[in-house]
Each structure stands twice: as structure tokens, then as C-alpha cells.
């Protein structure tokens, strides 16, 4: 390598020959990054999650390029030493100033991944705000809330403060309603249980939560298997409760109900039911709009898990697959890999929309 550089310096003009070592060093760094990126693309095609490794390697190659450039630029050795001292001083100052927060968030991130209490796409409630996890970063967790806004929470806060995670296997959906003492509780319980059944919730039950001064607080609860439909099912349950209580002739007003218009004492406060009424079903539409980014992250994670399961099945030596069964698994693996690439592309485009600028080319 040194002989080739000396030969190039002898052929090229004097001023250009001085820059040959710097150009060669930068060329080697670029070639190394291209080879590394090719390896990452191959791993990505096989369903591997290489986001964090790719980010780390980008940082390493940038630092290598800076050091190589300073080491090979045509300058005095004293000036080169001063530049190295400046870079070292800046790096030390950055580490010293940010070590408390950066290292704390970094260690908290490793802790969250070790505990593995939630993943992308899971519902999480933090500081009384419900949202879905859209991204797990090295230093932060991104949560998409019920207004579709992206909330960035440092990992250190999630370690220091409690948070609630909705289990992906299912959760309990509840809704409260306060009714007067003049209504028999058995009629109320029957109406609320009917509402739970119409909301397609399993193992429904009704609780009396509070005996207030003017009204009784009831809570209707049921088991929801599909946790991804949490928001729309909560709204659906409240709607079914309204319908069930009105159909049973139960007024949803407490004794201190006030209105400016004069009411007939015998007239119930129930809306007039239309004779011909067709109800629209939009189950899941709210989640698609509010948590679009989290939905994409959840889909990517689910596809990665399926691909890993199929790879394990192919590599299983105790019960090896042969013939048509093995080919069928390979075909399914190829289809899932294509679907994963499409999902990752959609997630990437969504992230670029959030940033407002085009991201770096992978």
C-alpha cells in the first residue's frame, strides 16, 4: 500500500500528491461502509432487525473517517497533534456534560429490553395518558397517543416511574355510569350485562363502585381478546350501555339533574328511538387513524416473529421437514419476507413524513 501511494505521488503533481494519503484513507472508509451496508441489507432480507447495529456502525465509520482525515491531511505534525487534542477535548467534554442523561438513558434502554415488558405496537399508559408504542430507541421510547401525536419519553423516566402495559393476549374493558337510587339495581345489572354481550365482550360482570350522596356508581366490565381494538371497543361499550339502559326505560340522570326547559314529571329523559335505524360498524377504524405508526411497527414485529419461527422450524434437527412440507415452509418464508420488506418500507415512509425531510439512504 505504501509503495502504491509513493508511486502515485511520483506521477501526480506535487500539490495533488500530498492529498493522495487522505483520499486513499477516505476511500477505504467508504468501501468499508459499503461492504458493511451490503451485509446489513442481506441480513434485512432474511428478516433480521439491524436498526440499532446499523445506527452504531454509522457512528463508528463517521468517527473513523474524521480520525483518518486528520491523520493523513498534508499538515505539520504540531498542527495535527493540536487537532487530535481538540477532537479529544471535544469528545471528553461531550461525554462529561451528557454522561448523566445519555448514559442513564442508555443503561435504562438496556434494562427495558432485558425486562421486555412491552414491544412495538403494545398499548401503554404513562402519566395517565394512553398510547401505543411506535418505536423503541436506544435513548427513548416513542409513543403515539390517542390524538395521533408522537410523544417521546426518555428511557430513564420509564425506569423511574410506573407505567401500565395492556397485555397483547387481552385486557378488561370497563365503563362507569352513575344512576339514581330510585332504580332497582337488579334492573340496572341486567341492562349492563346485556350491553356487555352486545359489545362482544366475554365474561362480563357489573360492580357497584360507590354509594354517593345523590347517585350510585356502577361499573360494567368485560374481557376483550383483541387488545388492538381497545379504543374503539371502549366507545362501543359506552354506546351499548346507553342503548341498553334506554331500552330498559332507565334514565341516566342523577337527582341533581338540572335543565332550563320545563319538563313533565312523567316524561322520561330518553331520546326518541327511530323506527328504521341502521347502525354502522367501524370497528378498528379509530385505531388505524390514531395509531397508524404504531400499527406499522406492530406489523413489522409480528412478521419478524413469524419469520424467526419458520427458520427455527426449518433448522429443527429433531423433527426435520422433508419433501413438500419443507418446500411449503420455504414458500411461506419467502412470502413473509416480501411482506416484511413492504411493511418496513411503509414504516420508513411514515418516519420520513414525521421528520418532514427525506431520511438517509439505507
Protein backbone atom coordinates (compact mmCIF):
# COMPACT_ATOMS: atom_id res chain seq x y z
CA UNK A 1 0.00 0.00 0.00
CA UNK A 2 2.81 2.46 0.90
CA UNK A 3 4.64 1.65 -2.35
CA UNK A 4 1.49 2.34 -4.38
CA UNK A 5 0.97 5.66 -2.61
CA UNK A 6 4.64 6.63 -3.19
CA UNK A 7 4.30 5.72 -6.89
CA UNK A 8 1.13 7.81 -7.20
CA UNK A 9 2.84 10.73 -5.51
CA UNK A 10 5.71 10.49 -8.00
CA UNK A 11 3.37 10.58 -11.02
CA UNK A 12 0.89 13.24 -9.87
CA UNK A 13 1.74 16.93 -9.42
CA UNK A 14 3.35 17.87 -6.13
CA UNK A 15 0.28 19.62 -4.65
CA UNK A 16 -2.02 16.78 -5.67
CA UNK A 17 0.35 14.07 -4.47
CA UNK A 18 0.20 15.47 -0.95
CA UNK A 19 -3.53 14.69 -0.84
CA UNK A 20 -3.20 11.07 -2.01
CA UNK A 21 -2.97 9.55 1.52
CA UNK A 22 -6.08 11.44 2.66
CA UNK A 23 -8.02 10.39 -0.45
CA UNK A 24 -6.94 6.75 -0.02
CA UNK A 25 -7.93 6.76 3.65
CA UNK A 26 -11.36 8.21 2.86
CA UNK A 27 -11.77 5.73 0.01
CA UNK A 28 -11.04 2.82 2.36
CA UNK A 29 -13.59 4.12 4.88
CA UNK A 30 -16.23 4.49 2.15
CA UNK A 31 -15.53 1.00 0.78
CA UNK A 32 -15.71 -0.44 4.28
CA UNK A 33 -19.07 1.24 4.86
CA UNK A 34 -20.43 -0.01 1.51
CA UNK A 35 -19.42 -3.59 2.36
CA UNK A 36 -20.97 -3.27 5.82
CA UNK A 37 -24.18 -1.84 4.37
CA UNK A 38 -24.35 -4.73 1.90
CA UNK A 39 -24.06 -7.19 4.78
CA UNK A 40 -26.83 -5.34 6.61
CA UNK A 41 -29.09 -5.48 3.54
CA UNK A 42 -28.57 -9.26 3.28
CA UNK A 43 -29.46 -9.68 6.95
CA UNK A 44 -32.52 -7.46 6.48
CA UNK A 45 -33.70 -9.62 3.57
CA UNK A 46 -33.67 -12.60 5.93
CA UNK A 47 -35.85 -10.81 8.44
CA UNK A 48 -33.20 -9.68 10.94
CA UNK A 49 -33.70 -6.47 12.91
CA UNK A 50 -30.49 -4.48 12.32
CA UNK A 51 -31.67 -0.93 13.06
CA UNK A 52 -29.58 -0.41 16.18
CA UNK A 53 -26.48 -2.10 14.78
CA UNK A 54 -26.74 0.00 11.61
CA UNK A 55 -27.00 3.22 13.61
CA UNK A 56 -24.00 2.23 15.72
CA UNK A 57 -21.88 1.34 12.69
CA UNK A 58 -22.73 4.65 11.01
CA UNK A 59 -21.39 6.49 14.03
CA UNK A 60 -18.24 4.33 14.10
CA UNK A 61 -17.47 4.91 10.42
CA UNK A 62 -18.00 8.65 10.75
CA UNK A 63 -15.54 8.78 13.62
CA UNK A 64 -13.08 6.63 11.66
CA UNK A 65 -13.38 8.96 8.67
CA UNK A 66 -12.69 12.02 10.84
CA UNK A 67 -9.65 10.43 12.51
CA UNK A 68 -8.28 9.12 9.18
CA UNK A 69 -8.72 12.53 7.58
CA UNK A 70 -6.80 14.31 10.34
CA UNK A 71 -4.06 11.66 10.33
CA UNK A 72 -3.45 11.86 6.56
CA UNK A 73 -4.01 15.53 5.67
CA UNK A 74 -0.87 17.36 4.48
CA UNK A 75 -0.09 19.48 7.56
CA UNK A 76 2.61 19.97 10.18
CA UNK A 77 2.88 17.34 12.87
CA UNK A 78 2.36 20.02 15.51
CA UNK A 79 -0.91 21.17 13.90
CA UNK A 80 -2.02 17.54 13.54
CA UNK A 81 -1.38 16.96 17.22
CA UNK A 82 -3.36 20.07 18.11
CA UNK A 83 -6.30 18.87 16.01
CA UNK A 84 -6.22 15.47 17.69
CA UNK A 85 -6.10 17.22 21.07
CA UNK A 86 -9.06 19.39 20.06
CA UNK A 87 -11.10 16.38 18.93
CA UNK A 88 -10.24 14.53 22.13
CA UNK A 89 -11.13 17.58 24.22
CA UNK A 90 -14.47 18.00 22.47
CA UNK A 91 -15.26 14.31 22.85
CA UNK A 92 -14.31 14.36 26.54
CA UNK A 93 -16.40 17.50 27.14
CA UNK A 94 -19.40 15.99 25.33
CA UNK A 95 -19.14 12.78 27.34
CA UNK A 96 -18.68 14.65 30.61
CA UNK A 97 -21.61 17.00 30.01
CA UNK A 98 -24.01 14.39 28.71
CA UNK A 99 -22.88 11.34 30.67
CA UNK A 100 -25.59 11.73 33.31
CA UNK A 101 -28.52 11.83 30.91
CA UNK A 102 -27.15 9.95 27.91
CA UNK A 103 -25.54 7.09 29.82
CA UNK A 104 -28.52 6.95 32.16
CA UNK A 105 -30.95 6.64 29.24
CA UNK A 106 -28.65 4.16 27.52
CA UNK A 107 -28.48 1.89 30.56
CA UNK A 108 -32.23 2.31 31.11
CA UNK A 109 -32.77 1.24 27.49
CA UNK A 110 -30.79 -1.95 28.05
CA UNK A 111 -32.79 -2.56 31.21
CA UNK A 112 -36.12 -2.14 29.40
CA UNK A 113 -35.02 -4.60 26.72
CA UNK A 114 -33.89 -7.06 29.37
CA UNK A 115 -37.20 -6.85 31.23
CA UNK A 116 -39.07 -6.88 27.88
CA UNK A 117 -42.34 -5.71 29.43
CA UNK A 118 -43.57 -4.16 26.18
CA UNK A 119 -42.80 -4.10 22.46
CA UNK A 120 -43.70 -2.02 19.43
CA UNK A 121 -47.46 -1.90 18.95
CA UNK A 122 -48.39 -2.50 22.60
CA UNK A 123 -50.72 -0.15 24.43
CA UNK A 124 -49.02 1.64 27.30
CA UNK A 125 -50.36 4.14 29.82
CA UNK A 126 -47.78 6.59 31.19
CA UNK A 127 -48.62 9.58 33.36
CA UNK A 128 -52.35 8.97 32.85
CA UNK A 129 -52.00 9.15 29.06
CA UNK A 130 -52.81 6.14 26.89
CA UNK A 131 -50.92 5.43 23.68
CA UNK A 132 -49.25 2.74 21.59
CA UNK A 133 -45.53 2.17 21.36
CA UNK A 134 -44.40 3.13 17.86
CA UNK A 135 -40.62 2.93 18.25
CA UNK A 136 -38.06 1.60 20.73
CA UNK A 137 -34.84 3.64 20.55
CA UNK A 138 -31.52 3.40 22.34
CA UNK A 139 -32.25 6.54 24.38
CA UNK A 140 -36.03 6.94 24.21
CA UNK A 141 -39.37 5.29 23.56
CA UNK A 142 -41.79 6.86 21.09
CA UNK A 143 -45.49 6.62 21.98
CA UNK A 144 -48.37 7.54 19.68
CA UNK A 145 -51.22 8.87 21.83
CA UNK A 146 -55.00 8.95 21.29
CA UNK A 147 -54.78 12.14 19.22
CA UNK A 148 -52.19 10.50 16.90
CA UNK A 149 -49.39 12.72 18.25
CA UNK A 150 -45.93 11.24 18.78
CA UNK A 151 -44.71 11.57 22.36
CA UNK A 152 -41.01 10.93 23.06
CA UNK A 153 -40.35 9.53 26.53
CA UNK A 154 -36.73 9.11 27.75
CA UNK A 155 -35.90 5.58 28.85
CA UNK A 156 -34.82 6.87 32.26
CA UNK A 157 -38.34 8.09 33.03
CA UNK A 158 -39.86 4.71 32.19
CA UNK A 159 -37.43 3.06 34.60
CA UNK A 160 -38.04 5.56 37.40
CA UNK A 161 -41.83 5.94 37.11
CA UNK A 162 -44.59 3.29 36.92
CA UNK A 163 -46.41 2.60 33.67
CA UNK A 164 -49.25 0.29 32.67
CA UNK A 165 -48.99 -2.10 29.73
CA UNK A 166 -52.06 -3.64 28.10
CA UNK A 167 -51.40 -7.31 27.52
CA UNK A 168 -51.50 -8.33 23.88
CA UNK A 169 -53.32 -11.54 24.87
CA UNK A 170 -56.32 -9.49 26.03
CA UNK A 171 -57.49 -6.95 28.57
CA UNK A 172 -60.50 -5.89 30.63
CA UNK A 173 -62.65 -3.07 29.20
CA UNK A 174 -64.66 -1.03 31.73
CA UNK A 175 -67.08 1.88 31.68
CA UNK A 176 -68.73 3.73 34.59
CA UNK A 177 -72.22 5.18 34.86
CA UNK A 178 -73.95 6.88 37.81
CA UNK A 179 -77.68 6.25 38.31
CA UNK A 180 -80.21 7.32 40.89
CA UNK A 181 -81.28 5.41 43.99
CA UNK A 182 -84.83 5.17 42.66
CA UNK A 183 -83.86 2.48 40.11
CA UNK A 184 -83.62 -1.15 41.20
CA UNK A 185 -80.03 -2.34 40.98
CA UNK A 186 -81.11 -5.71 39.55
CA UNK A 187 -82.67 -3.97 36.54
CA UNK A 188 -79.50 -1.96 36.06
CA UNK A 189 -77.25 -5.02 36.28
CA UNK A 190 -79.38 -6.89 33.75
CA UNK A 191 -79.24 -3.96 31.30
CA UNK A 192 -75.47 -3.53 31.69
CA UNK A 193 -74.83 -7.26 31.22
CA UNK A 194 -76.89 -7.10 28.03
CA UNK A 195 -74.74 -4.17 26.87
CA UNK A 196 -71.57 -6.18 27.54
CA UNK A 197 -72.86 -9.05 25.42
CA UNK A 198 -73.79 -6.72 22.55
CA UNK A 199 -70.33 -5.15 22.73
CA UNK A 200 -68.90 -8.68 22.15
CA UNK A 201 -67.04 -8.77 25.47
CA UNK A 202 -66.57 -12.06 27.28
CA UNK A 203 -67.05 -12.89 30.98
CA UNK A 204 -68.92 -9.66 31.65
CA UNK A 205 -69.67 -8.51 35.20
CA UNK A 206 -71.12 -5.45 36.94
CA UNK A 207 -69.76 -3.79 40.09
CA UNK A 208 -71.22 -1.18 42.43
CA UNK A 209 -68.27 1.13 42.87
CA UNK A 210 -69.65 3.88 45.08
CA UNK A 211 -72.75 4.83 47.05
CA UNK A 212 -72.71 8.59 46.66
CA UNK A 213 -74.88 11.26 48.24
CA UNK A 214 -77.09 11.58 45.15
CA UNK A 215 -76.38 8.56 42.94
CA UNK A 216 -74.89 5.08 42.72
CA UNK A 217 -71.78 4.49 40.60
CA UNK A 218 -71.88 1.28 38.54
CA UNK A 219 -69.04 -0.21 36.50
CA UNK A 220 -69.57 -2.64 33.62
CA UNK A 221 -66.50 -4.72 32.69
CA UNK A 222 -65.75 -7.46 30.19
CA UNK A 223 -62.82 -9.30 28.63
CA UNK A 224 -61.53 -8.14 25.24
CA UNK A 225 -59.40 -10.68 23.36
CA UNK A 226 -58.28 -8.35 20.56
CA UNK A 227 -56.30 -5.75 22.53
CA UNK A 228 -55.54 -3.74 19.38
CA UNK A 229 -59.20 -2.63 19.28
CA UNK A 230 -59.02 -1.07 22.75
CA UNK A 231 -60.09 2.49 21.86
CA UNK A 232 -62.99 1.62 19.55
CA UNK A 233 -64.26 -1.10 21.91
CA UNK A 234 -64.39 1.35 24.82
CA UNK A 235 -66.54 3.68 22.74
CA UNK A 236 -68.64 0.75 21.52
CA UNK A 237 -69.28 -0.42 25.10
CA UNK A 238 -70.48 3.03 26.21
CA UNK A 239 -72.82 3.19 23.21
CA UNK A 240 -74.27 -0.24 24.03
CA UNK A 241 -74.73 0.85 27.65
CA UNK A 242 -76.73 3.89 26.51
CA UNK A 243 -78.92 1.74 24.27
CA UNK A 244 -79.49 -0.95 26.90
CA UNK A 245 -80.40 1.50 29.66
CA UNK A 246 -82.74 3.49 27.41
CA UNK A 247 -84.42 0.32 26.12
CA UNK A 248 -84.98 -0.72 29.73
CA UNK A 249 -86.59 2.65 30.48
CA UNK A 250 -83.81 3.73 32.85
CA UNK A 251 -82.96 7.43 32.88
CA UNK A 252 -79.27 8.23 33.02
CA UNK A 253 -79.71 11.30 35.21
CA UNK A 254 -78.91 11.85 38.87
CA UNK A 255 -81.35 13.58 41.26
CA UNK A 256 -79.50 16.91 40.92
CA UNK A 257 -80.07 16.94 37.15
CA UNK A 258 -80.92 20.50 36.01
CA UNK A 259 -82.19 21.91 32.74
CA UNK A 260 -83.53 25.29 31.65
CA UNK A 261 -86.66 23.90 29.99
CA UNK A 262 -89.77 22.82 31.87
CA UNK A 263 -90.12 19.06 31.96
CA UNK A 264 -93.12 16.91 32.51
CA UNK A 265 -92.63 14.84 35.65
CA UNK A 266 -93.95 11.74 33.89
CA UNK A 267 -91.83 12.18 30.76
CA UNK A 268 -88.59 10.11 30.77
CA UNK A 269 -85.33 11.67 29.64
CA UNK A 270 -84.74 9.18 26.83
CA UNK A 271 -84.17 10.06 23.15
CA UNK A 272 -86.87 9.00 20.72
CA UNK A 273 -85.78 5.81 19.03
CA UNK A 274 -86.04 5.78 15.26
CA UNK A 275 -88.17 3.09 13.78
CA UNK A 276 -85.82 2.38 10.91
CA UNK A 277 -82.27 2.72 12.12
CA UNK A 278 -79.27 1.15 10.51
CA UNK A 279 -76.17 1.13 12.66
CA UNK A 280 -72.76 1.50 11.01
CA UNK A 281 -69.87 -0.66 12.13
CA UNK A 282 -66.39 0.84 12.00
CA UNK A 283 -64.59 -1.44 14.44
CA UNK A 284 -60.86 -0.87 14.27
CA UNK A 285 -61.09 2.27 12.12
CA UNK A 286 -60.23 4.54 15.04
CA UNK A 287 -57.06 2.58 15.79
CA UNK A 288 -56.00 2.69 12.14
CA UNK A 289 -56.24 6.50 12.14
CA UNK A 290 -54.94 7.28 15.64
CA UNK A 291 -52.14 4.71 15.88
CA UNK A 292 -51.04 4.32 12.25
CA UNK A 293 -47.32 4.42 13.02
CA UNK A 294 -47.68 2.07 15.98
CA UNK A 295 -49.74 -0.30 13.80
CA UNK A 296 -46.90 -0.44 11.25
CA UNK A 297 -44.32 -1.13 13.99
CA UNK A 298 -46.54 -3.85 15.43
CA UNK A 299 -46.95 -5.44 11.98
CA UNK A 300 -43.17 -5.44 11.44
CA UNK A 301 -42.58 -7.07 14.83
CA UNK A 302 -45.26 -9.72 14.20
CA UNK A 303 -43.80 -10.59 10.79
CA UNK A 304 -40.28 -10.84 12.24
CA UNK A 305 -41.55 -13.26 14.89
CA UNK A 306 -43.28 -15.41 12.25
CA UNK A 307 -40.14 -15.49 10.10
CA UNK A 308 -37.95 -16.48 13.06
CA UNK A 309 -40.42 -19.25 13.95
CA UNK A 310 -40.31 -20.63 10.39
CA UNK A 311 -36.49 -20.51 10.35
CA UNK A 312 -36.41 -22.42 13.64
CA UNK A 313 -38.78 -24.96 12.13
CA UNK A 314 -36.51 -25.43 9.11
CA UNK A 315 -33.41 -25.81 11.31
CA UNK A 316 -35.05 -28.27 13.69
CA UNK A 317 -32.90 -31.40 13.60
CA UNK A 318 -35.09 -33.45 15.93
CA UNK A 319 -38.13 -33.24 13.65
CA UNK A 320 -36.73 -32.32 10.21
CA UNK A 321 -39.09 -31.32 7.41
CA UNK A 322 -38.82 -33.14 4.13
CA UNK A 323 -40.32 -33.01 0.70
CA UNK A 324 -43.45 -30.96 0.13
CA UNK A 325 -43.69 -29.84 3.76
CA UNK A 326 -40.24 -28.26 3.61
CA UNK A 327 -40.97 -26.58 0.28
CA UNK A 328 -44.25 -25.22 1.65
CA UNK A 329 -42.45 -23.70 4.64
CA UNK A 330 -39.83 -22.16 2.33
CA UNK A 331 -42.55 -20.69 0.13
CA UNK A 332 -44.31 -19.22 3.16
CA UNK A 333 -40.98 -17.86 4.41
CA UNK A 334 -40.37 -16.12 1.08
CA UNK A 335 -43.85 -14.59 1.07
CA UNK A 336 -43.47 -13.35 4.63
CA UNK A 337 -40.06 -11.87 3.82
CA UNK A 338 -41.56 -9.87 0.94
CA UNK A 339 -44.40 -8.75 3.19
CA UNK A 340 -41.87 -7.71 5.84
CA UNK A 341 -39.92 -5.60 3.35
CA UNK A 342 -43.14 -3.88 2.27
CA UNK A 343 -44.08 -3.20 5.90
CA UNK A 344 -40.61 -1.81 6.65
CA UNK A 345 -40.85 0.45 3.60
CA UNK A 346 -44.20 1.78 4.80
CA UNK A 347 -42.76 2.35 8.29
CA UNK A 348 -39.78 4.17 6.76
CA UNK A 349 -42.03 6.41 4.66
CA UNK A 350 -44.13 7.19 7.74
CA UNK A 351 -40.99 8.13 9.68
CA UNK A 352 -39.87 10.42 6.84
CA UNK A 353 -43.26 12.15 6.94
CA UNK A 354 -42.83 12.75 10.67
CA UNK A 355 -39.38 14.25 10.23
CA UNK A 356 -40.51 16.37 7.29
CA UNK A 357 -37.31 15.62 5.35
CA UNK A 358 -36.04 12.62 3.45
CA UNK A 359 -34.04 10.24 5.62
CA UNK A 360 -30.59 9.00 4.69
CA UNK A 361 -30.40 6.32 2.06
CA UNK A 362 -30.10 2.92 3.68
